[in-house]
């Protein structure tokens, strides 16, 4: 299993925590009951799964993130990119644009990105 992958339910749960953090675990149980119709045990099971994946921690009955949402999804995207395209940006762009032409604005944005990163 990939380090930065979440099931759909885990992703919804993670988004809820990221929205509310830091959140007391008791409040999280109530939020999950209201939003997902989960029982207390389900909430704690999901929390343990995400603690095991090192996304969140429950310290002193306060749930908070070990990695913020943007960083998590950036790392997840990088893993998928590396796995599928062997880290090749040209292969990714070729696959992404296959059968569709880029519009002028998209081409300009890509050219700007290339120029920004050329000197780094």
PDB file of N, CA and C in Angstrom:
ATOM      1  N   UNK A   1       0.844  -1.187   0.000  1.00  0.00           N
ATOM      2  CA  UNK A   1       0.000   0.000   0.000  1.00  0.00           C
ATOM      3  C   UNK A   1       0.886   1.247   0.000  1.00  0.00           C
ATOM      4  N   UNK A   2       0.500   2.237  -0.748  1.00  0.00           N
ATOM      5  CA  UNK A   2       1.261   3.482  -0.802  1.00  0.00           C
ATOM      6  C   UNK A   2       1.169   4.209   0.537  1.00  0.00           C
ATOM      7  N   UNK A   3       2.237   4.897   0.868  1.00  0.00           N
ATOM      8  CA  UNK A   3       2.272   5.627   2.126  1.00  0.00           C
ATOM      9  C   UNK A   3       1.240   6.756   2.147  1.00  0.00           C
ATOM     10  N   UNK A   4       1.054   7.414   1.014  1.00  0.00           N
ATOM     11  CA  UNK A   4       0.167   8.571   0.974  1.00  0.00           C
ATOM     12  C   UNK A   4      -1.106   8.276   0.193  1.00  0.00           C
ATOM     13  N   UNK A   5      -1.756   7.172   0.513  1.00  0.00           N
ATOM     14  CA  UNK A   5      -3.027   6.872  -0.128  1.00  0.00           C
ATOM     15  C   UNK A   5      -4.098   6.728   0.947  1.00  0.00           C
ATOM     16  N   UNK A   6      -5.281   7.177   0.608  1.00  0.00           N
ATOM     17  CA  UNK A   6      -6.418   7.078   1.520  1.00  0.00           C
ATOM     18  C   UNK A   6      -7.602   6.492   0.768  1.00  0.00           C
ATOM     19  N   UNK A   7      -8.399   5.710   1.477  1.00  0.00           N
ATOM     20  CA  UNK A   7      -9.662   5.269   0.907  1.00  0.00           C
ATOM     21  C   UNK A   7     -10.584   6.482   0.827  1.00  0.00           C
ATOM     22  N   UNK A   8     -11.702   6.335   0.147  1.00  0.00           N
ATOM     23  CA  UNK A   8     -12.641   7.453   0.042  1.00  0.00           C
ATOM     24  C   UNK A   8     -13.145   7.884   1.422  1.00  0.00           C
ATOM     25  N   UNK A   9     -13.484   6.913   2.264  1.00  0.00           N
ATOM     26  CA  UNK A   9     -13.966   7.237   3.616  1.00  0.00           C
ATOM     27  C   UNK A   9     -12.872   7.907   4.441  1.00  0.00           C
ATOM     28  N   UNK A  10     -11.638   7.404   4.326  1.00  0.00           N
ATOM     29  CA  UNK A  10     -10.529   8.026   5.049  1.00  0.00           C
ATOM     30  C   UNK A  10     -10.304   9.460   4.580  1.00  0.00           C
ATOM     31  N   UNK A  11     -10.418   9.692   3.282  1.00  0.00           N
ATOM     32  CA  UNK A  11     -10.217  11.038   2.741  1.00  0.00           C
ATOM     33  C   UNK A  11     -11.288  12.001   3.251  1.00  0.00           C
ATOM     34  N   UNK A  12     -12.533  11.551   3.308  1.00  0.00           N
ATOM     35  CA  UNK A  12     -13.607  12.399   3.835  1.00  0.00           C
ATOM     36  C   UNK A  12     -13.384  12.699   5.314  1.00  0.00           C
ATOM     37  N   UNK A  13     -12.974  11.688   6.047  1.00  0.00           N
ATOM     38  CA  UNK A  13     -12.682  11.848   7.467  1.00  0.00           C
ATOM     39  C   UNK A  13     -11.503  12.802   7.663  1.00  0.00           C
ATOM     40  N   UNK A  14     -10.453  12.608   6.869  1.00  0.00           N
ATOM     41  CA  UNK A  14      -9.273  13.479   6.959  1.00  0.00           C
ATOM     42  C   UNK A  14      -9.646  14.922   6.656  1.00  0.00           C
ATOM     43  N   UNK A  15     -10.453  15.134   5.634  1.00  0.00           N
ATOM     44  CA  UNK A  15     -10.875  16.496   5.293  1.00  0.00           C
ATOM     45  C   UNK A  15     -11.628  17.143   6.448  1.00  0.00           C
ATOM     46  N   UNK A  16     -12.462  16.369   7.120  1.00  0.00           N
ATOM     47  CA  UNK A  16     -13.191  16.893   8.274  1.00  0.00           C
ATOM     48  C   UNK A  16     -12.216  17.317   9.376  1.00  0.00           C
ATOM     49  N   UNK A  17     -11.234  16.493   9.660  1.00  0.00           N
ATOM     50  CA  UNK A  17     -10.260  16.836  10.699  1.00  0.00           C
ATOM     51  C   UNK A  17      -9.471  18.074  10.284  1.00  0.00           C
ATOM     52  N   UNK A  18      -8.996  18.108   9.035  1.00  0.00           N
ATOM     53  CA  UNK A  18      -8.233  19.273   8.577  1.00  0.00           C
ATOM     54  C   UNK A  18      -9.060  20.558   8.681  1.00  0.00           C
ATOM     55  N   UNK A  19     -10.370  20.462   8.446  1.00  0.00           N
ATOM     56  CA  UNK A  19     -11.253  21.638   8.559  1.00  0.00           C
ATOM     57  C   UNK A  19     -11.363  22.126  10.000  1.00  0.00           C
ATOM     58  N   UNK A  20     -11.370  21.202  10.947  1.00  0.00           N
ATOM     59  CA  UNK A  20     -11.709  21.534  12.341  1.00  0.00           C
ATOM     60  C   UNK A  20     -10.529  21.537  13.302  1.00  0.00           C
ATOM     61  N   UNK A  21      -9.369  21.080  12.866  1.00  0.00           N
ATOM     62  CA  UNK A  21      -8.262  20.885  13.809  1.00  0.00           C
ATOM     63  C   UNK A  21      -7.757  22.181  14.418  1.00  0.00           C
ATOM     64  N   UNK A  22      -7.199  22.084  15.612  1.00  0.00           N
ATOM     65  CA  UNK A  22      -7.226  20.923  16.495  1.00  0.00           C
ATOM     66  C   UNK A  22      -8.635  20.718  17.043  1.00  0.00           C
ATOM     67  N   UNK A  23      -9.024  19.466  17.148  1.00  0.00           N
ATOM     68  CA  UNK A  23     -10.389  19.159  17.585  1.00  0.00           C
ATOM     69  C   UNK A  23     -10.336  18.122  18.704  1.00  0.00           C
ATOM     70  N   UNK A  24     -11.062  18.385  19.791  1.00  0.00           N
ATOM     71  CA  UNK A  24     -11.152  17.364  20.843  1.00  0.00           C
ATOM     72  C   UNK A  24     -11.763  16.088  20.274  1.00  0.00           C
ATOM     73  N   UNK A  25     -11.240  14.942  20.668  1.00  0.00           N
ATOM     74  CA  UNK A  25     -11.719  13.680  20.109  1.00  0.00           C
ATOM     75  C   UNK A  25     -13.209  13.453  20.362  1.00  0.00           C
ATOM     76  N   UNK A  26     -13.718  13.911  21.493  1.00  0.00           N
ATOM     77  CA  UNK A  26     -15.151  13.795  21.769  1.00  0.00           C
ATOM     78  C   UNK A  26     -15.979  14.601  20.785  1.00  0.00           C
ATOM     79  N   UNK A  27     -15.507  15.796  20.450  1.00  0.00           N
ATOM     80  CA  UNK A  27     -16.198  16.614  19.451  1.00  0.00           C
ATOM     81  C   UNK A  27     -16.122  15.965  18.072  1.00  0.00           C
ATOM     82  N   UNK A  28     -14.994  15.328  17.786  1.00  0.00           N
ATOM     83  CA  UNK A  28     -14.836  14.636  16.509  1.00  0.00           C
ATOM     84  C   UNK A  28     -15.847  13.500  16.384  1.00  0.00           C
ATOM     85  N   UNK A  29     -16.065  12.784  17.468  1.00  0.00           N
ATOM     86  CA  UNK A  29     -17.068  11.709  17.472  1.00  0.00           C
ATOM     87  C   UNK A  29     -18.436  12.281  17.116  1.00  0.00           C
ATOM     88  N   UNK A  30     -18.795  13.412  17.722  1.00  0.00           N
ATOM     89  CA  UNK A  30     -20.097  14.038  17.452  1.00  0.00           C
ATOM     90  C   UNK A  30     -20.191  14.526  16.006  1.00  0.00           C
ATOM     91  N   UNK A  31     -19.111  15.106  15.508  1.00  0.00           N
ATOM     92  CA  UNK A  31     -19.095  15.568  14.121  1.00  0.00           C
ATOM     93  C   UNK A  31     -19.283  14.399  13.145  1.00  0.00           C
ATOM     94  N   UNK A  32     -18.613  13.297  13.420  1.00  0.00           N
ATOM     95  CA  UNK A  32     -18.712  12.129  12.540  1.00  0.00           C
ATOM     96  C   UNK A  32     -20.089  11.480  12.619  1.00  0.00           C
ATOM     97  N   UNK A  33     -20.681  11.511  13.798  1.00  0.00           N
ATOM     98  CA  UNK A  33     -22.036  10.979  13.937  1.00  0.00           C
ATOM     99  C   UNK A  33     -23.002  11.817  13.109  1.00  0.00           C
ATOM    100  N   UNK A  34     -22.826  13.127  13.170  1.00  0.00           N
ATOM    101  CA  UNK A  34     -23.702  14.040  12.430  1.00  0.00           C
ATOM    102  C   UNK A  34     -23.470  13.969  10.922  1.00  0.00           C
ATOM    103  N   UNK A  35     -22.207  13.994  10.508  1.00  0.00           N
ATOM    104  CA  UNK A  35     -21.893  14.069   9.073  1.00  0.00           C
ATOM    105  C   UNK A  35     -21.951  12.721   8.370  1.00  0.00           C
ATOM    106  N   UNK A  36     -21.466  11.667   9.048  1.00  0.00           N
ATOM    107  CA  UNK A  36     -21.344  10.365   8.389  1.00  0.00           C
ATOM    108  C   UNK A  36     -22.260   9.287   8.971  1.00  0.00           C
ATOM    109  N   UNK A  37     -22.983   9.616  10.041  1.00  0.00           N
ATOM    110  CA  UNK A  37     -23.811   8.644  10.775  1.00  0.00           C
ATOM    111  C   UNK A  37     -22.958   7.507  11.339  1.00  0.00           C
ATOM    112  N   UNK A  38     -21.743   7.844  11.779  1.00  0.00           N
ATOM    113  CA  UNK A  38     -20.830   6.861  12.342  1.00  0.00           C
ATOM    114  C   UNK A  38     -21.058   6.713  13.841  1.00  0.00           C
ATOM    115  N   UNK A  39     -20.786   5.514  14.323  1.00  0.00           N
ATOM    116  CA  UNK A  39     -20.761   5.275  15.761  1.00  0.00           C
ATOM    117  C   UNK A  39     -19.401   5.699  16.285  1.00  0.00           C
ATOM    118  N   UNK A  40     -19.315   5.846  17.590  1.00  0.00           N
ATOM    119  CA  UNK A  40     -18.061   6.243  18.241  1.00  0.00           C
ATOM    120  C   UNK A  40     -16.927   5.293  17.850  1.00  0.00           C
ATOM    121  N   UNK A  41     -17.218   3.999  17.857  1.00  0.00           N
ATOM    122  CA  UNK A  41     -16.178   3.006  17.554  1.00  0.00           C
ATOM    123  C   UNK A  41     -15.650   3.163  16.120  1.00  0.00           C
ATOM    124  N   UNK A  42     -16.516   3.515  15.196  1.00  0.00           N
ATOM    125  CA  UNK A  42     -16.087   3.712  13.808  1.00  0.00           C
ATOM    126  C   UNK A  42     -15.146   4.899  13.712  1.00  0.00           C
ATOM    127  N   UNK A  43     -15.489   5.978  14.398  1.00  0.00           N
ATOM    128  CA  UNK A  43     -14.633   7.168  14.384  1.00  0.00           C
ATOM    129  C   UNK A  43     -13.250   6.836  14.923  1.00  0.00           C
ATOM    130  N   UNK A  44     -13.189   6.132  16.033  1.00  0.00           N
ATOM    131  CA  UNK A  44     -11.890   5.811  16.623  1.00  0.00           C
ATOM    132  C   UNK A  44     -11.108   4.796  15.774  1.00  0.00           C
ATOM    133  N   UNK A  45     -11.812   3.900  15.113  1.00  0.00           N
ATOM    134  CA  UNK A  45     -11.142   2.965  14.206  1.00  0.00           C
ATOM    135  C   UNK A  45     -10.505   3.719  13.049  1.00  0.00           C
ATOM    136  N   UNK A  46     -11.260   4.644  12.458  1.00  0.00           N
ATOM    137  CA  UNK A  46     -10.725   5.442  11.353  1.00  0.00           C
ATOM    138  C   UNK A  46      -9.565   6.310  11.820  1.00  0.00           C
ATOM    139  N   UNK A  47      -9.699   6.890  12.991  1.00  0.00           N
ATOM    140  CA  UNK A  47      -8.621   7.727  13.524  1.00  0.00           C
ATOM    141  C   UNK A  47      -7.355   6.896  13.718  1.00  0.00           C
ATOM    142  N   UNK A  48      -7.491   5.702  14.254  1.00  0.00           N
ATOM    143  CA  UNK A  48      -6.324   4.824  14.443  1.00  0.00           C
ATOM    144  C   UNK A  48      -5.665   4.505  13.101  1.00  0.00           C
ATOM    145  N   UNK A  49      -6.468   4.276  12.067  1.00  0.00           N
ATOM    146  CA  UNK A  49      -5.913   3.985  10.748  1.00  0.00           C
ATOM    147  C   UNK A  49      -5.083   5.162  10.233  1.00  0.00           C
ATOM    148  N   UNK A  50      -5.592   6.373  10.443  1.00  0.00           N
ATOM    149  CA  UNK A  50      -4.877   7.550   9.954  1.00  0.00           C
ATOM    150  C   UNK A  50      -3.700   7.921  10.858  1.00  0.00           C
ATOM    151  N   UNK A  51      -3.768   7.526  12.119  1.00  0.00           N
ATOM    152  CA  UNK A  51      -2.594   7.673  12.986  1.00  0.00           C
ATOM    153  C   UNK A  51      -1.498   6.710  12.521  1.00  0.00           C
ATOM    154  N   UNK A  52      -1.890   5.496  12.178  1.00  0.00           N
ATOM    155  CA  UNK A  52      -0.933   4.497  11.688  1.00  0.00           C
ATOM    156  C   UNK A  52      -0.265   4.978  10.391  1.00  0.00           C
ATOM    157  N   UNK A  53      -1.016   5.694   9.564  1.00  0.00           N
ATOM    158  CA  UNK A  53      -0.473   6.237   8.312  1.00  0.00           C
ATOM    159  C   UNK A  53       0.295   7.537   8.547  1.00  0.00           C
ATOM    160  N   UNK A  54       0.366   7.952   9.806  1.00  0.00           N
ATOM    161  CA  UNK A  54       1.111   9.150  10.223  1.00  0.00           C
ATOM    162  C   UNK A  54       0.585  10.438   9.585  1.00  0.00           C
ATOM    163  N   UNK A  55      -0.753  10.518   9.508  1.00  0.00           N
ATOM    164  CA  UNK A  55      -1.398  11.721   8.991  1.00  0.00           C
ATOM    165  C   UNK A  55      -1.890  12.583  10.157  1.00  0.00           C
ATOM    166  N   UNK A  56      -2.394  11.918  11.218  1.00  0.00           N
ATOM    167  CA  UNK A  56      -2.923  12.621  12.388  1.00  0.00           C
ATOM    168  C   UNK A  56      -2.380  12.002  13.662  1.00  0.00           C
ATOM    169  N   UNK A  57      -2.548  12.763  14.748  1.00  0.00           N
ATOM    170  CA  UNK A  57      -2.221  12.239  16.073  1.00  0.00           C
ATOM    171  C   UNK A  57      -3.359  12.606  17.015  1.00  0.00           C
ATOM    172  N   UNK A  58      -3.530  11.782  18.030  1.00  0.00           N
ATOM    173  CA  UNK A  58      -4.510  12.026  19.081  1.00  0.00           C
ATOM    174  C   UNK A  58      -3.728  12.068  20.380  1.00  0.00           C
ATOM    175  N   UNK A  59      -3.369  13.269  20.793  1.00  0.00           N
ATOM    176  CA  UNK A  59      -2.565  13.446  21.999  1.00  0.00           C
ATOM    177  C   UNK A  59      -3.374  14.233  23.022  1.00  0.00           C
ATOM    178  N   UNK A  60      -3.555  13.646  24.185  1.00  0.00           N
ATOM    179  CA  UNK A  60      -4.330  14.324  25.218  1.00  0.00           C
ATOM    180  C   UNK A  60      -5.761  14.560  24.785  1.00  0.00           C
ATOM    181  N   UNK A  61      -6.310  13.642  24.020  1.00  0.00           N
ATOM    182  CA  UNK A  61      -7.683  13.715  23.498  1.00  0.00           C
ATOM    183  C   UNK A  61      -7.899  14.899  22.553  1.00  0.00           C
ATOM    184  N   UNK A  62      -6.817  15.405  21.984  1.00  0.00           N
ATOM    185  CA  UNK A  62      -6.892  16.464  20.972  1.00  0.00           C
ATOM    186  C   UNK A  62      -6.323  15.893  19.673  1.00  0.00           C
ATOM    187  N   UNK A  63      -7.132  15.924  18.619  1.00  0.00           N
ATOM    188  CA  UNK A  63      -6.727  15.389  17.324  1.00  0.00           C
ATOM    189  C   UNK A  63      -6.190  16.532  16.470  1.00  0.00           C
ATOM    190  N   UNK A  64      -4.997  16.331  15.937  1.00  0.00           N
ATOM    191  CA  UNK A  64      -4.387  17.332  15.056  1.00  0.00           C
ATOM    192  C   UNK A  64      -3.560  16.612  13.996  1.00  0.00           C
ATOM    193  N   UNK A  65      -3.186  17.366  12.986  1.00  0.00           N
ATOM    194  CA  UNK A  65      -2.477  16.751  11.861  1.00  0.00           C
ATOM    195  C   UNK A  65      -0.978  16.702  12.105  1.00  0.00           C
ATOM    196  N   UNK A  66      -0.370  15.696  11.519  1.00  0.00           N
ATOM    197  CA  UNK A  66       1.082  15.592  11.468  1.00  0.00           C
ATOM    198  C   UNK A  66       1.584  16.129  10.130  1.00  0.00           C
ATOM    199  N   UNK A  67       0.673  16.242   9.166  1.00  0.00           N
ATOM    200  CA  UNK A  67       0.974  16.770   7.840  1.00  0.00           C
ATOM    201  C   UNK A  67      -0.269  17.520   7.366  1.00  0.00           C
ATOM    202  N   UNK A  68      -0.088  18.718   6.814  1.00  0.00           N
ATOM    203  CA  UNK A  68      -1.272  19.467   6.405  1.00  0.00           C
ATOM    204  C   UNK A  68      -1.827  18.924   5.087  1.00  0.00           C
ATOM    205  N   UNK A  69      -3.046  19.308   4.789  1.00  0.00           N
ATOM    206  CA  UNK A  69      -3.784  18.791   3.631  1.00  0.00           C
ATOM    207  C   UNK A  69      -3.016  18.991   2.328  1.00  0.00           C
ATOM    208  N   UNK A  70      -2.539  20.195   2.079  1.00  0.00           N
ATOM    209  CA  UNK A  70      -1.849  20.482   0.820  1.00  0.00           C
ATOM    210  C   UNK A  70      -0.591  19.633   0.665  1.00  0.00           C
ATOM    211  N   UNK A  71       0.170  19.499   1.739  1.00  0.00           N
ATOM    212  CA  UNK A  71       1.389  18.701   1.681  1.00  0.00           C
ATOM    213  C   UNK A  71       1.062  17.221   1.473  1.00  0.00           C
ATOM    214  N   UNK A  72       0.018  16.741   2.139  1.00  0.00           N
ATOM    215  CA  UNK A  72      -0.365  15.342   1.971  1.00  0.00           C
ATOM    216  C   UNK A  72      -0.706  15.055   0.516  1.00  0.00           C
ATOM    217  N   UNK A  73      -1.566  15.892  -0.070  1.00  0.00           N
ATOM    218  CA  UNK A  73      -1.987  15.641  -1.448  1.00  0.00           C
ATOM    219  C   UNK A  73      -0.854  15.888  -2.448  1.00  0.00           C
ATOM    220  N   UNK A  74       0.058  16.779  -2.123  1.00  0.00           N
ATOM    221  CA  UNK A  74       1.232  16.974  -2.984  1.00  0.00           C
ATOM    222  C   UNK A  74       2.092  15.709  -2.981  1.00  0.00           C
ATOM    223  N   UNK A  75       2.306  15.131  -1.805  1.00  0.00           N
ATOM    224  CA  UNK A  75       3.103  13.898  -1.710  1.00  0.00           C
ATOM    225  C   UNK A  75       2.385  12.732  -2.393  1.00  0.00           C
ATOM    226  N   UNK A  76       1.070  12.663  -2.217  1.00  0.00           N
ATOM    227  CA  UNK A  76       0.295  11.608  -2.862  1.00  0.00           C
ATOM    228  C   UNK A  76       0.392  11.736  -4.384  1.00  0.00           C
ATOM    229  N   UNK A  77       0.272  12.947  -4.875  1.00  0.00           N
ATOM    230  CA  UNK A  77       0.369  13.179  -6.318  1.00  0.00           C
ATOM    231  C   UNK A  77       1.748  12.792  -6.835  1.00  0.00           C
ATOM    232  N   UNK A  78       2.779  13.130  -6.081  1.00  0.00           N
ATOM    233  CA  UNK A  78       4.148  12.795  -6.483  1.00  0.00           C
ATOM    234  C   UNK A  78       4.332  11.275  -6.544  1.00  0.00           C
ATOM    235  N   UNK A  79       3.785  10.553  -5.565  1.00  0.00           N
ATOM    236  CA  UNK A  79       3.895   9.090  -5.579  1.00  0.00           C
ATOM    237  C   UNK A  79       3.208   8.495  -6.803  1.00  0.00           C
ATOM    238  N   UNK A  80       2.011   8.974  -7.104  1.00  0.00           N
ATOM    239  CA  UNK A  80       1.275   8.483  -8.272  1.00  0.00           C
ATOM    240  C   UNK A  80       2.044   8.812  -9.543  1.00  0.00           C
ATOM    241  N   UNK A  81       2.520  10.036  -9.636  1.00  0.00           N
ATOM    242  CA  UNK A  81       3.300  10.496 -10.789  1.00  0.00           C
ATOM    243  C   UNK A  81       4.525   9.603 -10.986  1.00  0.00           C
ATOM    244  N   UNK A  82       5.258   9.342  -9.914  1.00  0.00           N
ATOM    245  CA  UNK A  82       6.465   8.512 -10.011  1.00  0.00           C
ATOM    246  C   UNK A  82       6.130   7.070 -10.374  1.00  0.00           C
ATOM    247  N   UNK A  83       5.050   6.553  -9.797  1.00  0.00           N
ATOM    248  CA  UNK A  83       4.671   5.164 -10.047  1.00  0.00           C
ATOM    249  C   UNK A  83       4.208   4.959 -11.497  1.00  0.00           C
ATOM    250  N   UNK A  84       3.389   5.840 -11.982  1.00  0.00           N
ATOM    251  CA  UNK A  84       2.797   5.647 -13.306  1.00  0.00           C
ATOM    252  C   UNK A  84       3.705   6.140 -14.427  1.00  0.00           C
ATOM    253  N   UNK A  85       4.376   7.267 -14.206  1.00  0.00           N
ATOM    254  CA  UNK A  85       5.161   7.888 -15.281  1.00  0.00           C
ATOM    255  C   UNK A  85       6.669   7.841 -15.024  1.00  0.00           C
ATOM    256  N   UNK A  86       7.091   7.055 -14.044  1.00  0.00           N
ATOM    257  CA  UNK A  86       8.509   6.952 -13.692  1.00  0.00           C
ATOM    258  C   UNK A  86       9.139   8.323 -13.466  1.00  0.00           C
ATOM    259  N   UNK A  87       8.365   9.267 -12.957  1.00  0.00           N
ATOM    260  CA  UNK A  87       8.875  10.599 -12.670  1.00  0.00           C
ATOM    261  C   UNK A  87       9.137  11.442 -13.904  1.00  0.00           C
ATOM    262  N   UNK A  88       8.635  11.014 -15.053  1.00  0.00           N
ATOM    263  CA  UNK A  88       8.877  11.745 -16.300  1.00  0.00           C
ATOM    264  C   UNK A  88       7.762  12.740 -16.585  1.00  0.00           C
ATOM    265  N   UNK A  89       8.079  14.013 -16.452  1.00  0.00           N
ATOM    266  CA  UNK A  89       7.092  15.050 -16.746  1.00  0.00           C
ATOM    267  C   UNK A  89       6.664  15.031 -18.214  1.00  0.00           C
ATOM    268  N   UNK A  90       7.583  14.876 -19.163  1.00  0.00           N
ATOM    269  CA  UNK A  90       7.147  14.795 -20.563  1.00  0.00           C
ATOM    270  C   UNK A  90       6.172  13.633 -20.818  1.00  0.00           C
ATOM    271  N   UNK A  91       6.413  12.471 -20.187  1.00  0.00           N
ATOM    272  CA  UNK A  91       5.482  11.337 -20.349  1.00  0.00           C
ATOM    273  C   UNK A  91       4.121  11.672 -19.759  1.00  0.00           C
ATOM    274  N   UNK A  92       4.122  12.347 -18.619  1.00  0.00           N
ATOM    275  CA  UNK A  92       2.860  12.742 -17.990  1.00  0.00           C
ATOM    276  C   UNK A  92       2.092  13.691 -18.900  1.00  0.00           C
ATOM    277  N   UNK A  93       2.758  14.724 -19.393  1.00  0.00           N
ATOM    278  CA  UNK A  93       2.082  15.718 -20.241  1.00  0.00           C
ATOM    279  C   UNK A  93       1.577  15.064 -21.523  1.00  0.00           C
ATOM    280  N   UNK A  94       2.375  14.182 -22.099  1.00  0.00           N
ATOM    281  CA  UNK A  94       1.948  13.485 -23.313  1.00  0.00           C
ATOM    282  C   UNK A  94       0.683  12.662 -23.046  1.00  0.00           C
ATOM    283  N   UNK A  95       0.641  11.951 -21.927  1.00  0.00           N
ATOM    284  CA  UNK A  95      -0.533  11.150 -21.584  1.00  0.00           C
ATOM    285  C   UNK A  95      -1.728  12.031 -21.273  1.00  0.00           C
ATOM    286  N   UNK A  96      -1.486  13.112 -20.550  1.00  0.00           N
ATOM    287  CA  UNK A  96      -2.565  14.006 -20.134  1.00  0.00           C
ATOM    288  C   UNK A  96      -3.210  14.707 -21.324  1.00  0.00           C
ATOM    289  N   UNK A  97      -2.421  15.034 -22.324  1.00  0.00           N
ATOM    290  CA  UNK A  97      -2.925  15.802 -23.464  1.00  0.00           C
ATOM    291  C   UNK A  97      -3.264  14.931 -24.669  1.00  0.00           C
ATOM    292  N   UNK A  98      -3.085  13.627 -24.546  1.00  0.00           N
ATOM    293  CA  UNK A  98      -3.363  12.727 -25.676  1.00  0.00           C
ATOM    294  C   UNK A  98      -4.814  12.900 -26.131  1.00  0.00           C
ATOM    295  N   UNK A  99      -4.962  13.192 -27.408  1.00  0.00           N
ATOM    296  CA  UNK A  99      -6.302  13.342 -27.968  1.00  0.00           C
ATOM    297  C   UNK A  99      -6.928  14.704 -27.740  1.00  0.00           C
ATOM    298  N   UNK A 100      -6.254  15.571 -26.997  1.00  0.00           N
ATOM    299  CA  UNK A 100      -6.780  16.913 -26.744  1.00  0.00           C
ATOM    300  C   UNK A 100      -5.674  17.927 -26.941  1.00  0.00           C
ATOM    301  N   UNK A 101      -5.996  19.011 -27.547  1.00  0.00           N
ATOM    302  CA  UNK A 101      -5.018  20.073 -27.751  1.00  0.00           C
ATOM    303  C   UNK A 101      -5.048  21.016 -26.550  1.00  0.00           C
ATOM    304  N   UNK A 102      -3.872  21.528 -26.213  1.00  0.00           N
ATOM    305  CA  UNK A 102      -3.791  22.551 -25.171  1.00  0.00           C
ATOM    306  C   UNK A 102      -4.232  23.880 -25.770  1.00  0.00           C
ATOM    307  N   UNK A 103      -4.939  24.682 -24.965  1.00  0.00           N
ATOM    308  CA  UNK A 103      -5.300  26.010 -25.456  1.00  0.00           C
ATOM    309  C   UNK A 103      -4.132  26.965 -25.201  1.00  0.00           C
ATOM    310  N   UNK A 104      -4.201  28.142 -25.768  1.00  0.00           N
ATOM    311  CA  UNK A 104      -3.098  29.098 -25.678  1.00  0.00           C
ATOM    312  C   UNK A 104      -2.756  29.451 -24.231  1.00  0.00           C
ATOM    313  N   UNK A 105      -3.776  29.593 -23.397  1.00  0.00           N
ATOM    314  CA  UNK A 105      -3.543  29.935 -21.991  1.00  0.00           C
ATOM    315  C   UNK A 105      -2.787  28.802 -21.281  1.00  0.00           C
ATOM    316  N   UNK A 106      -3.172  27.561 -21.513  1.00  0.00           N
ATOM    317  CA  UNK A 106      -2.483  26.429 -20.903  1.00  0.00           C
ATOM    318  C   UNK A 106      -1.029  26.345 -21.356  1.00  0.00           C
ATOM    319  N   UNK A 107      -0.799  26.567 -22.631  1.00  0.00           N
ATOM    320  CA  UNK A 107       0.566  26.552 -23.158  1.00  0.00           C
ATOM    321  C   UNK A 107       1.402  27.651 -22.505  1.00  0.00           C
ATOM    322  N   UNK A 108       0.819  28.829 -22.381  1.00  0.00           N
ATOM    323  CA  UNK A 108       1.530  29.947 -21.759  1.00  0.00           C
ATOM    324  C   UNK A 108       1.863  29.643 -20.296  1.00  0.00           C
ATOM    325  N   UNK A 109       0.915  29.059 -19.571  1.00  0.00           N
ATOM    326  CA  UNK A 109       1.157  28.708 -18.170  1.00  0.00           C
ATOM    327  C   UNK A 109       2.267  27.671 -18.046  1.00  0.00           C
ATOM    328  N   UNK A 110       2.265  26.674 -18.914  1.00  0.00           N
ATOM    329  CA  UNK A 110       3.327  25.660 -18.891  1.00  0.00           C
ATOM    330  C   UNK A 110       4.686  26.275 -19.221  1.00  0.00           C
ATOM    331  N   UNK A 111       4.710  27.173 -20.193  1.00  0.00           N
ATOM    332  CA  UNK A 111       5.971  27.822 -20.538  1.00  0.00           C
ATOM    333  C   UNK A 111       6.501  28.649 -19.371  1.00  0.00           C
ATOM    334  N   UNK A 112       5.612  29.328 -18.650  1.00  0.00           N
ATOM    335  CA  UNK A 112       6.023  30.108 -17.472  1.00  0.00           C
ATOM    336  C   UNK A 112       6.594  29.196 -16.394  1.00  0.00           C
ATOM    337  N   UNK A 113       5.942  28.062 -16.163  1.00  0.00           N
ATOM    338  CA  UNK A 113       6.450  27.109 -15.174  1.00  0.00           C
ATOM    339  C   UNK A 113       7.831  26.604 -15.554  1.00  0.00           C
ATOM    340  N   UNK A 114       8.014  26.295 -16.816  1.00  0.00           N
ATOM    341  CA  UNK A 114       9.321  25.816 -17.279  1.00  0.00           C
ATOM    342  C   UNK A 114      10.384  26.881 -17.042  1.00  0.00           C
ATOM    343  N   UNK A 115      10.080  28.115 -17.385  1.00  0.00           N
ATOM    344  CA  UNK A 115      11.045  29.204 -17.202  1.00  0.00           C
ATOM    345  C   UNK A 115      11.351  29.437 -15.714  1.00  0.00           C
ATOM    346  N   UNK A 116      10.335  29.346 -14.866  1.00  0.00           N
ATOM    347  CA  UNK A 116      10.541  29.522 -13.425  1.00  0.00           C
ATOM    348  C   UNK A 116      11.491  28.475 -12.873  1.00  0.00           C
ATOM    349  N   UNK A 117      11.380  27.257 -13.362  1.00  0.00           N
ATOM    350  CA  UNK A 117      12.156  26.147 -12.809  1.00  0.00           C
ATOM    351  C   UNK A 117      13.454  25.896 -13.564  1.00  0.00           C
ATOM    352  N   UNK A 118      13.645  26.576 -14.659  1.00  0.00           N
ATOM    353  CA  UNK A 118      14.857  26.367 -15.456  1.00  0.00           C
ATOM    354  C   UNK A 118      16.100  26.758 -14.661  1.00  0.00           C
ATOM    355  N   UNK A 119      16.027  27.850 -13.910  1.00  0.00           N
ATOM    356  CA  UNK A 119      17.193  28.347 -13.189  1.00  0.00           C
ATOM    357  C   UNK A 119      17.400  27.709 -11.831  1.00  0.00           C
ATOM    358  N   UNK A 120      16.478  26.897 -11.383  1.00  0.00           N
ATOM    359  CA  UNK A 120      16.591  26.314 -10.026  1.00  0.00           C
ATOM    360  C   UNK A 120      17.527  25.151  -9.988  1.00  0.00           C
TER     361      UNK A 120
END
